[in-house]
Amino acid sequence: MKMPRRLNIYCSSCRKHTNHTVQRSRPRKRGELRKGQRRFRRKVKPTGKTRGARGYPKSSQKREKPTKRPDLRYVCNVCKKAQTKPGFRTKTLEFTD
């Protein structure tokens, strides 16, 4: 799907319609020091008699969805505030100028 790079939409901070630049945010690396991640690493680490032959975590049988919902950020060109809107399903997303 092709989408314009600049849109004229309502800015809740300026309280009027202004030009916005559309950015696609990428997922960042997961935090290794989070509590759940530390618990996961401790569970997976091979210790004792098993030496890693535990069967955890089991491989998932779920398939990957054919389309993704992109995370779009709309940045106001006047006040530089960013806002997000609900995403939409699309296989590819291309920005046009």
PDB file of N, CA and C in Angstrom:
ATOM      1  N   MET A   1       0.838  -1.162   0.000  1.00  0.00           N
ATOM      2  CA  MET A   1       0.000   0.000   0.000  1.00  0.00           C
ATOM      3  C   MET A   1       0.890   1.235   0.000  1.00  0.00           C
ATOM      4  N   LYS A   2       0.520   2.220  -0.801  1.00  0.00           N
ATOM      5  CA  LYS A   2       1.255   3.472  -0.850  1.00  0.00           C
ATOM      6  C   LYS A   2       0.555   4.496   0.023  1.00  0.00           C
ATOM      7  N   MET A   3       1.350   5.249   0.784  1.00  0.00           N
ATOM      8  CA  MET A   3       0.807   6.243   1.702  1.00  0.00           C
ATOM      9  C   MET A   3       1.654   7.500   1.604  1.00  0.00           C
ATOM     10  N   PRO A   4       1.018   8.683   1.618  1.00  0.00           N
ATOM     11  CA  PRO A   4       1.815   9.913   1.540  1.00  0.00           C
ATOM     12  C   PRO A   4       2.647  10.131   2.801  1.00  0.00           C
ATOM     13  N   ARG A   5       3.819  10.715   2.625  1.00  0.00           N
ATOM     14  CA  ARG A   5       4.727  10.972   3.744  1.00  0.00           C
ATOM     15  C   ARG A   5       4.218  12.124   4.612  1.00  0.00           C
ATOM     16  N   ARG A   6       3.495  13.082   4.006  1.00  0.00           N
ATOM     17  CA  ARG A   6       2.974  14.229   4.749  1.00  0.00           C
ATOM     18  C   ARG A   6       1.457  14.269   4.635  1.00  0.00           C
ATOM     19  N   LEU A   7       0.792  14.476   5.788  1.00  0.00           N
ATOM     20  CA  LEU A   7      -0.667  14.542   5.827  1.00  0.00           C
ATOM     21  C   LEU A   7      -1.093  15.803   6.565  1.00  0.00           C
ATOM     22  N   ASN A   8      -2.255  16.310   6.212  1.00  0.00           N
ATOM     23  CA  ASN A   8      -2.828  17.451   6.915  1.00  0.00           C
ATOM     24  C   ASN A   8      -3.930  16.916   7.817  1.00  0.00           C
ATOM     25  N   ILE A   9      -3.599  16.688   9.098  1.00  0.00           N
ATOM     26  CA  ILE A   9      -4.563  16.128  10.037  1.00  0.00           C
ATOM     27  C   ILE A   9      -4.625  17.007  11.282  1.00  0.00           C
ATOM     28  N   TYR A  10      -5.585  16.706  12.150  1.00  0.00           N
ATOM     29  CA  TYR A  10      -5.811  17.502  13.351  1.00  0.00           C
ATOM     30  C   TYR A  10      -4.750  17.210  14.404  1.00  0.00           C
ATOM     31  N   CYS A  11      -4.193  18.275  14.970  1.00  0.00           N
ATOM     32  CA  CYS A  11      -3.229  18.153  16.061  1.00  0.00           C
ATOM     33  C   CYS A  11      -3.931  18.547  17.347  1.00  0.00           C
ATOM     34  N   SER A  12      -3.980  17.638  18.312  1.00  0.00           N
ATOM     35  CA  SER A  12      -4.676  17.916  19.560  1.00  0.00           C
ATOM     36  C   SER A  12      -3.907  18.906  20.426  1.00  0.00           C
ATOM     37  N   SER A  13      -2.614  19.047  20.205  1.00  0.00           N
ATOM     38  CA  SER A  13      -1.831  20.000  20.972  1.00  0.00           C
ATOM     39  C   SER A  13      -2.018  21.424  20.442  1.00  0.00           C
ATOM     40  N   CYS A  14      -1.987  21.576  19.117  1.00  0.00           N
ATOM     41  CA  CYS A  14      -2.196  22.892  18.494  1.00  0.00           C
ATOM     42  C   CYS A  14      -3.682  23.244  18.400  1.00  0.00           C
ATOM     43  N   ARG A  15      -4.540  22.237  18.486  1.00  0.00           N
ATOM     44  CA  ARG A  15      -5.990  22.381  18.366  1.00  0.00           C
ATOM     45  C   ARG A  15      -6.419  22.944  17.014  1.00  0.00           C
ATOM     46  N   LYS A  16      -5.724  22.503  15.977  1.00  0.00           N
ATOM     47  CA  LYS A  16      -6.110  22.871  14.616  1.00  0.00           C
ATOM     48  C   LYS A  16      -5.465  21.873  13.653  1.00  0.00           C
ATOM     49  N   HIS A  17      -5.862  21.933  12.397  1.00  0.00           N
ATOM     50  CA  HIS A  17      -5.285  21.065  11.380  1.00  0.00           C
ATOM     51  C   HIS A  17      -3.921  21.620  10.962  1.00  0.00           C
ATOM     52  N   THR A  18      -2.908  20.776  11.032  1.00  0.00           N
ATOM     53  CA  THR A  18      -1.561  21.152  10.621  1.00  0.00           C
ATOM     54  C   THR A  18      -0.963  20.013   9.808  1.00  0.00           C
ATOM     55  N   ASN A  19       0.149  20.304   9.148  1.00  0.00           N
ATOM     56  CA  ASN A  19       0.851  19.275   8.391  1.00  0.00           C
ATOM     57  C   ASN A  19       1.598  18.358   9.352  1.00  0.00           C
ATOM     58  N   HIS A  20       1.482  17.065   9.108  1.00  0.00           N
ATOM     59  CA  HIS A  20       2.149  16.057   9.925  1.00  0.00           C
ATOM     60  C   HIS A  20       3.039  15.190   9.038  1.00  0.00           C
ATOM     61  N   THR A  21       4.163  14.790   9.575  1.00  0.00           N
ATOM     62  CA  THR A  21       5.055  13.855   8.900  1.00  0.00           C
ATOM     63  C   THR A  21       4.804  12.468   9.471  1.00  0.00           C
ATOM     64  N   VAL A  22       4.647  11.495   8.589  1.00  0.00           N
ATOM     65  CA  VAL A  22       4.354  10.126   9.013  1.00  0.00           C
ATOM     66  C   VAL A  22       5.663   9.362   9.132  1.00  0.00           C
ATOM     67  N   GLN A  23       5.876   8.724  10.281  1.00  0.00           N
ATOM     68  CA  GLN A  23       7.057   7.904  10.508  1.00  0.00           C
ATOM     69  C   GLN A  23       6.619   6.513  10.916  1.00  0.00           C
ATOM     70  N   ARG A  24       7.372   5.536  10.480  1.00  0.00           N
ATOM     71  CA  ARG A  24       7.104   4.156  10.879  1.00  0.00           C
ATOM     72  C   ARG A  24       8.134   3.762  11.924  1.00  0.00           C
ATOM     73  N   SER A  25       7.680   3.455  13.127  1.00  0.00           N
ATOM     74  CA  SER A  25       8.621   3.106  14.189  1.00  0.00           C
ATOM     75  C   SER A  25       8.912   1.613  14.141  1.00  0.00           C
ATOM     76  N   ARG A  26      10.155   1.289  14.410  1.00  0.00           N
ATOM     77  CA  ARG A  26      10.601  -0.101  14.402  1.00  0.00           C
ATOM     78  C   ARG A  26      10.662  -0.619  15.834  1.00  0.00           C
ATOM     79  N   PRO A  27      10.410  -1.903  16.021  1.00  0.00           N
ATOM     80  CA  PRO A  27      10.507  -2.436  17.383  1.00  0.00           C
ATOM     81  C   PRO A  27      11.955  -2.426  17.868  1.00  0.00           C
ATOM     82  N   ARG A  28      12.147  -2.039  19.116  1.00  0.00           N
ATOM     83  CA  ARG A  28      13.493  -1.988  19.663  1.00  0.00           C
ATOM     84  C   ARG A  28      13.850  -3.348  20.249  1.00  0.00           C
ATOM     85  N   LYS A  29      15.119  -3.491  20.606  1.00  0.00           N
ATOM     86  CA  LYS A  29      15.594  -4.747  21.167  1.00  0.00           C
ATOM     87  C   LYS A  29      14.966  -4.961  22.538  1.00  0.00           C
ATOM     88  N   ARG A  30      14.582  -6.183  22.837  1.00  0.00           N
ATOM     89  CA  ARG A  30      13.949  -6.492  24.114  1.00  0.00           C
ATOM     90  C   ARG A  30      14.960  -6.341  25.246  1.00  0.00           C
ATOM     91  N   GLY A  31      14.484  -5.857  26.394  1.00  0.00           N
ATOM     92  CA  GLY A  31      15.359  -5.625  27.536  1.00  0.00           C
ATOM     93  C   GLY A  31      15.776  -6.931  28.187  1.00  0.00           C
ATOM     94  N   GLU A  32      17.069  -7.138  28.306  1.00  0.00           N
ATOM     95  CA  GLU A  32      17.589  -8.373  28.897  1.00  0.00           C
ATOM     96  C   GLU A  32      17.517  -8.354  30.421  1.00  0.00           C
ATOM     97  N   LEU A  33      17.336  -7.194  31.027  1.00  0.00           N
ATOM     98  CA  LEU A  33      17.319  -7.109  32.483  1.00  0.00           C
ATOM     99  C   LEU A  33      15.910  -7.059  33.049  1.00  0.00           C
ATOM    100  N   ARG A  34      14.891  -7.202  32.220  1.00  0.00           N
ATOM    101  CA  ARG A  34      13.517  -7.231  32.716  1.00  0.00           C
ATOM    102  C   ARG A  34      13.276  -8.519  33.488  1.00  0.00           C
ATOM    103  N   LYS A  35      12.331  -8.460  34.422  1.00  0.00           N
ATOM    104  CA  LYS A  35      12.111  -9.596  35.310  1.00  0.00           C
ATOM    105  C   LYS A  35      11.702 -10.852  34.541  1.00  0.00           C
ATOM    106  N   GLY A  36      10.798 -10.716  33.608  1.00  0.00           N
ATOM    107  CA  GLY A  36      10.347 -11.873  32.847  1.00  0.00           C
ATOM    108  C   GLY A  36      11.451 -12.475  31.999  1.00  0.00           C
ATOM    109  N   GLN A  37      12.304 -11.625  31.435  1.00  0.00           N
ATOM    110  CA  GLN A  37      13.399 -12.114  30.608  1.00  0.00           C
ATOM    111  C   GLN A  37      14.440 -12.827  31.466  1.00  0.00           C
ATOM    112  N   ARG A  38      14.697 -12.324  32.664  1.00  0.00           N
ATOM    113  CA  ARG A  38      15.632 -12.997  33.569  1.00  0.00           C
ATOM    114  C   ARG A  38      15.092 -14.352  33.993  1.00  0.00           C
ATOM    115  N   ARG A  39      13.792 -14.434  34.255  1.00  0.00           N
ATOM    116  CA  ARG A  39      13.160 -15.700  34.623  1.00  0.00           C
ATOM    117  C   ARG A  39      13.260 -16.695  33.465  1.00  0.00           C
ATOM    118  N   PHE A  40      13.051 -16.218  32.242  1.00  0.00           N
ATOM    119  CA  PHE A  40      13.129 -17.067  31.057  1.00  0.00           C
ATOM    120  C   PHE A  40      14.544 -17.605  30.864  1.00  0.00           C
ATOM    121  N   ARG A  41      15.543 -16.728  30.999  1.00  0.00           N
ATOM    122  CA  ARG A  41      16.935 -17.162  30.838  1.00  0.00           C
ATOM    123  C   ARG A  41      17.328 -18.181  31.912  1.00  0.00           C
ATOM    124  N   ARG A  42      16.849 -17.986  33.139  1.00  0.00           N
ATOM    125  CA  ARG A  42      17.153 -18.914  34.220  1.00  0.00           C
ATOM    126  C   ARG A  42      16.524 -20.277  33.956  1.00  0.00           C
ATOM    127  N   LYS A  43      15.340 -20.273  33.382  1.00  0.00           N
ATOM    128  CA  LYS A  43      14.636 -21.520  33.091  1.00  0.00           C
ATOM    129  C   LYS A  43      15.322 -22.284  31.956  1.00  0.00           C
ATOM    130  N   VAL A  44      15.821 -21.579  30.983  1.00  0.00           N
ATOM    131  CA  VAL A  44      16.412 -22.212  29.808  1.00  0.00           C
ATOM    132  C   VAL A  44      17.844 -22.677  30.070  1.00  0.00           C
ATOM    133  N   LYS A  45      18.544 -22.023  30.991  1.00  0.00           N
ATOM    134  CA  LYS A  45      19.956 -22.324  31.224  1.00  0.00           C
ATOM    135  C   LYS A  45      20.138 -23.784  31.642  1.00  0.00           C
ATOM    136  N   PRO A  46      21.000 -24.553  30.960  1.00  0.00           N
ATOM    137  CA  PRO A  46      21.172 -25.968  31.300  1.00  0.00           C
ATOM    138  C   PRO A  46      21.980 -26.142  32.584  1.00  0.00           C
ATOM    139  N   THR A  47      21.363 -26.761  33.598  1.00  0.00           N
ATOM    140  CA  THR A  47      22.056 -27.050  34.851  1.00  0.00           C
ATOM    141  C   THR A  47      21.657 -28.441  35.326  1.00  0.00           C
ATOM    142  N   GLY A  48      22.463 -29.012  36.187  1.00  0.00           N
ATOM    143  CA  GLY A  48      22.125 -30.297  36.792  1.00  0.00           C
ATOM    144  C   GLY A  48      22.255 -31.460  35.835  1.00  0.00           C
ATOM    145  N   LYS A  49      21.462 -32.515  36.096  1.00  0.00           N
ATOM    146  CA  LYS A  49      21.552 -33.736  35.302  1.00  0.00           C
ATOM    147  C   LYS A  49      21.000 -33.569  33.890  1.00  0.00           C
ATOM    148  N   THR A  50      20.046 -32.683  33.728  1.00  0.00           N
ATOM    149  CA  THR A  50      19.380 -32.585  32.427  1.00  0.00           C
ATOM    150  C   THR A  50      20.286 -32.021  31.354  1.00  0.00           C
ATOM    151  N   ARG A  51      21.159 -31.078  31.712  1.00  0.00           N
ATOM    152  CA  ARG A  51      22.094 -30.466  30.770  1.00  0.00           C
ATOM    153  C   ARG A  51      21.404 -29.938  29.514  1.00  0.00           C
ATOM    154  N   GLY A  52      20.277 -29.297  29.693  1.00  0.00           N
ATOM    155  CA  GLY A  52      19.621 -28.649  28.566  1.00  0.00           C
ATOM    156  C   GLY A  52      18.571 -29.487  27.883  1.00  0.00           C
ATOM    157  N   ALA A  53      18.409 -30.758  28.243  1.00  0.00           N
ATOM    158  CA  ALA A  53      17.410 -31.599  27.596  1.00  0.00           C
ATOM    159  C   ALA A  53      16.101 -31.506  28.365  1.00  0.00           C
ATOM    160  N   ARG A  54      15.499 -30.343  28.371  1.00  0.00           N
ATOM    161  CA  ARG A  54      14.313 -30.121  29.178  1.00  0.00           C
ATOM    162  C   ARG A  54      13.034 -30.057  28.363  1.00  0.00           C
ATOM    163  N   GLY A  55      13.129 -29.675  27.130  1.00  0.00           N
ATOM    164  CA  GLY A  55      11.912 -29.507  26.341  1.00  0.00           C
ATOM    165  C   GLY A  55      11.211 -28.195  26.620  1.00  0.00           C
ATOM    166  N   TYR A  56      11.894 -27.246  27.256  1.00  0.00           N
ATOM    167  CA  TYR A  56      11.287 -25.937  27.493  1.00  0.00           C
ATOM    168  C   TYR A  56      12.202 -24.887  26.897  1.00  0.00           C
ATOM    169  N   PRO A  57      11.691 -23.906  26.215  1.00  0.00           N
ATOM    170  CA  PRO A  57      10.304 -23.726  25.802  1.00  0.00           C
ATOM    171  C   PRO A  57       9.985 -24.583  24.585  1.00  0.00           C
ATOM    172  N   LYS A  58       8.784 -25.080  24.532  1.00  0.00           N
ATOM    173  CA  LYS A  58       8.384 -25.903  23.403  1.00  0.00           C
ATOM    174  C   LYS A  58       8.256 -25.037  22.161  1.00  0.00           C
ATOM    175  N   SER A  59       8.544 -25.627  21.015  1.00  0.00           N
ATOM    176  CA  SER A  59       8.416 -24.868  19.780  1.00  0.00           C
ATOM    177  C   SER A  59       6.939 -24.642  19.485  1.00  0.00           C
ATOM    178  N   SER A  60       6.632 -23.466  19.028  1.00  0.00           N
ATOM    179  CA  SER A  60       5.248 -23.090  18.781  1.00  0.00           C
ATOM    180  C   SER A  60       4.800 -23.596  17.419  1.00  0.00           C
ATOM    181  N   GLN A  61       3.577 -24.070  17.336  1.00  0.00           N
ATOM    182  CA  GLN A  61       3.032 -24.560  16.080  1.00  0.00           C
ATOM    183  C   GLN A  61       2.253 -23.475  15.343  1.00  0.00           C
ATOM    184  N   LYS A  62       2.196 -22.279  15.937  1.00  0.00           N
ATOM    185  CA  LYS A  62       1.441 -21.206  15.298  1.00  0.00           C
ATOM    186  C   LYS A  62       2.163 -20.712  14.059  1.00  0.00           C
ATOM    187  N   ARG A  63       1.404 -20.359  13.068  1.00  0.00           N
ATOM    188  CA  ARG A  63       1.988 -19.795  11.861  1.00  0.00           C
ATOM    189  C   ARG A  63       2.056 -18.281  12.005  1.00  0.00           C
ATOM    190  N   GLU A  64       2.840 -17.667  11.159  1.00  0.00           N
ATOM    191  CA  GLU A  64       2.950 -16.217  11.188  1.00  0.00           C
ATOM    192  C   GLU A  64       1.826 -15.616  10.361  1.00  0.00           C
ATOM    193  N   LYS A  65       1.272 -14.524  10.832  1.00  0.00           N
ATOM    194  CA  LYS A  65       0.183 -13.879  10.101  1.00  0.00           C
ATOM    195  C   LYS A  65       0.711 -13.305   8.791  1.00  0.00           C
ATOM    196  N   PRO A  66      -0.099 -13.347   7.728  1.00  0.00           N
ATOM    197  CA  PRO A  66       0.380 -12.874   6.425  1.00  0.00           C
ATOM    198  C   PRO A  66       0.513 -11.359   6.343  1.00  0.00           C
ATOM    199  N   THR A  67      -0.205 -10.633   7.199  1.00  0.00           N
ATOM    200  CA  THR A  67      -0.116  -9.178   7.170  1.00  0.00           C
ATOM    201  C   THR A  67       0.228  -8.658   8.554  1.00  0.00           C
ATOM    202  N   LYS A  68       0.774  -7.459   8.603  1.00  0.00           N
ATOM    203  CA  LYS A  68       1.149  -6.826   9.861  1.00  0.00           C
ATOM    204  C   LYS A  68       0.399  -5.507   9.993  1.00  0.00           C
ATOM    205  N   ARG A  69       0.288  -5.059  11.249  1.00  0.00           N
ATOM    206  CA  ARG A  69      -0.263  -3.730  11.513  1.00  0.00           C
ATOM    207  C   ARG A  69       0.907  -2.806  11.814  1.00  0.00           C
ATOM    208  N   PRO A  70       1.263  -1.915  10.895  1.00  0.00           N
ATOM    209  CA  PRO A  70       2.418  -1.052  11.143  1.00  0.00           C
ATOM    210  C   PRO A  70       2.130  -0.029  12.229  1.00  0.00           C
ATOM    211  N   ASP A  71       3.157   0.303  12.999  1.00  0.00           N
ATOM    212  CA  ASP A  71       3.047   1.307  14.046  1.00  0.00           C
ATOM    213  C   ASP A  71       3.449   2.640  13.439  1.00  0.00           C
ATOM    214  N   LEU A  72       2.473   3.511  13.205  1.00  0.00           N
ATOM    215  CA  LEU A  72       2.724   4.788  12.549  1.00  0.00           C
ATOM    216  C   LEU A  72       2.690   5.915  13.570  1.00  0.00           C
ATOM    217  N   ARG A  73       3.650   6.816  13.465  1.00  0.00           N
ATOM    218  CA  ARG A  73       3.707   8.005  14.313  1.00  0.00           C
ATOM    219  C   ARG A  73       3.497   9.218  13.418  1.00  0.00           C
ATOM    220  N   TYR A  74       2.580  10.068  13.826  1.00  0.00           N
ATOM    221  CA  TYR A  74       2.301  11.296  13.100  1.00  0.00           C
ATOM    222  C   TYR A  74       2.913  12.446  13.893  1.00  0.00           C
ATOM    223  N   VAL A  75       3.940  13.096  13.348  1.00  0.00           N
ATOM    224  CA  VAL A  75       4.656  14.159  14.043  1.00  0.00           C
ATOM    225  C   VAL A  75       4.220  15.493  13.462  1.00  0.00           C
ATOM    226  N   CYS A  76       3.734  16.382  14.334  1.00  0.00           N
ATOM    227  CA  CYS A  76       3.287  17.708  13.916  1.00  0.00           C
ATOM    228  C   CYS A  76       4.504  18.543  13.529  1.00  0.00           C
ATOM    229  N   ASN A  77       4.415  19.248  12.392  1.00  0.00           N
ATOM    230  CA  ASN A  77       5.530  20.072  11.944  1.00  0.00           C
ATOM    231  C   ASN A  77       5.593  21.411  12.668  1.00  0.00           C
ATOM    232  N   VAL A  78       4.528  21.784  13.399  1.00  0.00           N
ATOM    233  CA  VAL A  78       4.510  23.061  14.112  1.00  0.00           C
ATOM    234  C   VAL A  78       5.043  22.888  15.533  1.00  0.00           C
ATOM    235  N   CYS A  79       4.429  21.984  16.309  1.00  0.00           N
ATOM    236  CA  CYS A  79       4.813  21.824  17.717  1.00  0.00           C
ATOM    237  C   CYS A  79       5.698  20.604  17.960  1.00  0.00           C
ATOM    238  N   LYS A  80       5.940  19.790  16.941  1.00  0.00           N
ATOM    239  CA  LYS A  80       6.810  18.604  17.016  1.00  0.00           C
ATOM    240  C   LYS A  80       6.285  17.521  17.955  1.00  0.00           C
ATOM    241  N   LYS A  81       5.008  17.562  18.304  1.00  0.00           N
ATOM    242  CA  LYS A  81       4.415  16.508  19.132  1.00  0.00           C
ATOM    243  C   LYS A  81       4.048  15.340  18.225  1.00  0.00           C
ATOM    244  N   ALA A  82       4.212  14.126  18.740  1.00  0.00           N
ATOM    245  CA  ALA A  82       3.887  12.929  17.970  1.00  0.00           C
ATOM    246  C   ALA A  82       2.624  12.301  18.528  1.00  0.00           C
ATOM    247  N   GLN A  83       1.815  11.751  17.651  1.00  0.00           N
ATOM    248  CA  GLN A  83       0.622  11.031  18.072  1.00  0.00           C
ATOM    249  C   GLN A  83       0.496   9.766  17.235  1.00  0.00           C
ATOM    250  N   THR A  84      -0.150   8.768  17.791  1.00  0.00           N
ATOM    251  CA  THR A  84      -0.359   7.515  17.085  1.00  0.00           C
ATOM    252  C   THR A  84      -1.837   7.330  16.833  1.00  0.00           C
ATOM    253  N   LYS A  85      -2.151   6.627  15.772  1.00  0.00           N
ATOM    254  CA  LYS A  85      -3.529   6.293  15.440  1.00  0.00           C
ATOM    255  C   LYS A  85      -3.604   4.774  15.304  1.00  0.00           C
ATOM    256  N   PRO A  86      -4.798   4.204  15.420  1.00  0.00           N
ATOM    257  CA  PRO A  86      -4.911   2.752  15.255  1.00  0.00           C
ATOM    258  C   PRO A  86      -4.396   2.306  13.886  1.00  0.00           C
ATOM    259  N   GLY A  87      -3.603   1.231  13.886  1.00  0.00           N
ATOM    260  CA  GLY A  87      -3.008   0.747  12.654  1.00  0.00           C
ATOM    261  C   GLY A  87      -4.004   0.001  11.790  1.00  0.00           C
ATOM    262  N   PHE A  88      -3.583  -0.347  10.601  1.00  0.00           N
ATOM    263  CA  PHE A  88      -4.410  -1.077   9.653  1.00  0.00           C
ATOM    264  C   PHE A  88      -3.563  -2.189   9.060  1.00  0.00           C
ATOM    265  N   ARG A  89      -4.208  -3.250   8.659  1.00  0.00           N
ATOM    266  CA  ARG A  89      -3.478  -4.406   8.157  1.00  0.00           C
ATOM    267  C   ARG A  89      -3.049  -4.187   6.709  1.00  0.00           C
ATOM    268  N   THR A  90      -1.782  -4.393   6.449  1.00  0.00           N
ATOM    269  CA  THR A  90      -1.259  -4.295   5.095  1.00  0.00           C
ATOM    270  C   THR A  90      -0.009  -5.164   4.990  1.00  0.00           C
ATOM    271  N   LYS A  91       0.192  -5.738   3.826  1.00  0.00           N
ATOM    272  CA  LYS A  91       1.354  -6.602   3.627  1.00  0.00           C
ATOM    273  C   LYS A  91       2.624  -5.773   3.465  1.00  0.00           C
ATOM    274  N   THR A  92       2.547  -4.724   2.647  1.00  0.00           N
ATOM    275  CA  THR A  92       3.683  -3.832   2.465  1.00  0.00           C
ATOM    276  C   THR A  92       3.199  -2.402   2.615  1.00  0.00           C
ATOM    277  N   LEU A  93       4.060  -1.542   3.118  1.00  0.00           N
ATOM    278  CA  LEU A  93       3.736  -0.131   3.284  1.00  0.00           C
ATOM    279  C   LEU A  93       4.870   0.682   2.692  1.00  0.00           C
ATOM    280  N   GLU A  94       4.510   1.559   1.741  1.00  0.00           N
ATOM    281  CA  GLU A  94       5.504   2.373   1.059  1.00  0.00           C
ATOM    282  C   GLU A  94       5.081   3.826   1.166  1.00  0.00           C
ATOM    283  N   PHE A  95       6.021   4.684   1.552  1.00  0.00           N
ATOM    284  CA  PHE A  95       5.730   6.110   1.666  1.00  0.00           C
ATOM    285  C   PHE A  95       6.085   6.811   0.365  1.00  0.00           C
ATOM    286  N   THR A  96       5.197   7.700  -0.075  1.00  0.00           N
ATOM    287  CA  THR A  96       5.432   8.485  -1.283  1.00  0.00           C
ATOM    288  C   THR A  96       5.538   9.952  -0.899  1.00  0.00           C
ATOM    289  N   ASP A  97       6.324  10.708  -1.647  1.00  0.00           N
ATOM    290  CA  ASP A  97       6.468  12.145  -1.368  1.00  0.00           C
ATOM    291  C   ASP A  97       5.555  12.969  -2.242  1.00  0.00           C
TER     292      ASP A  97
END
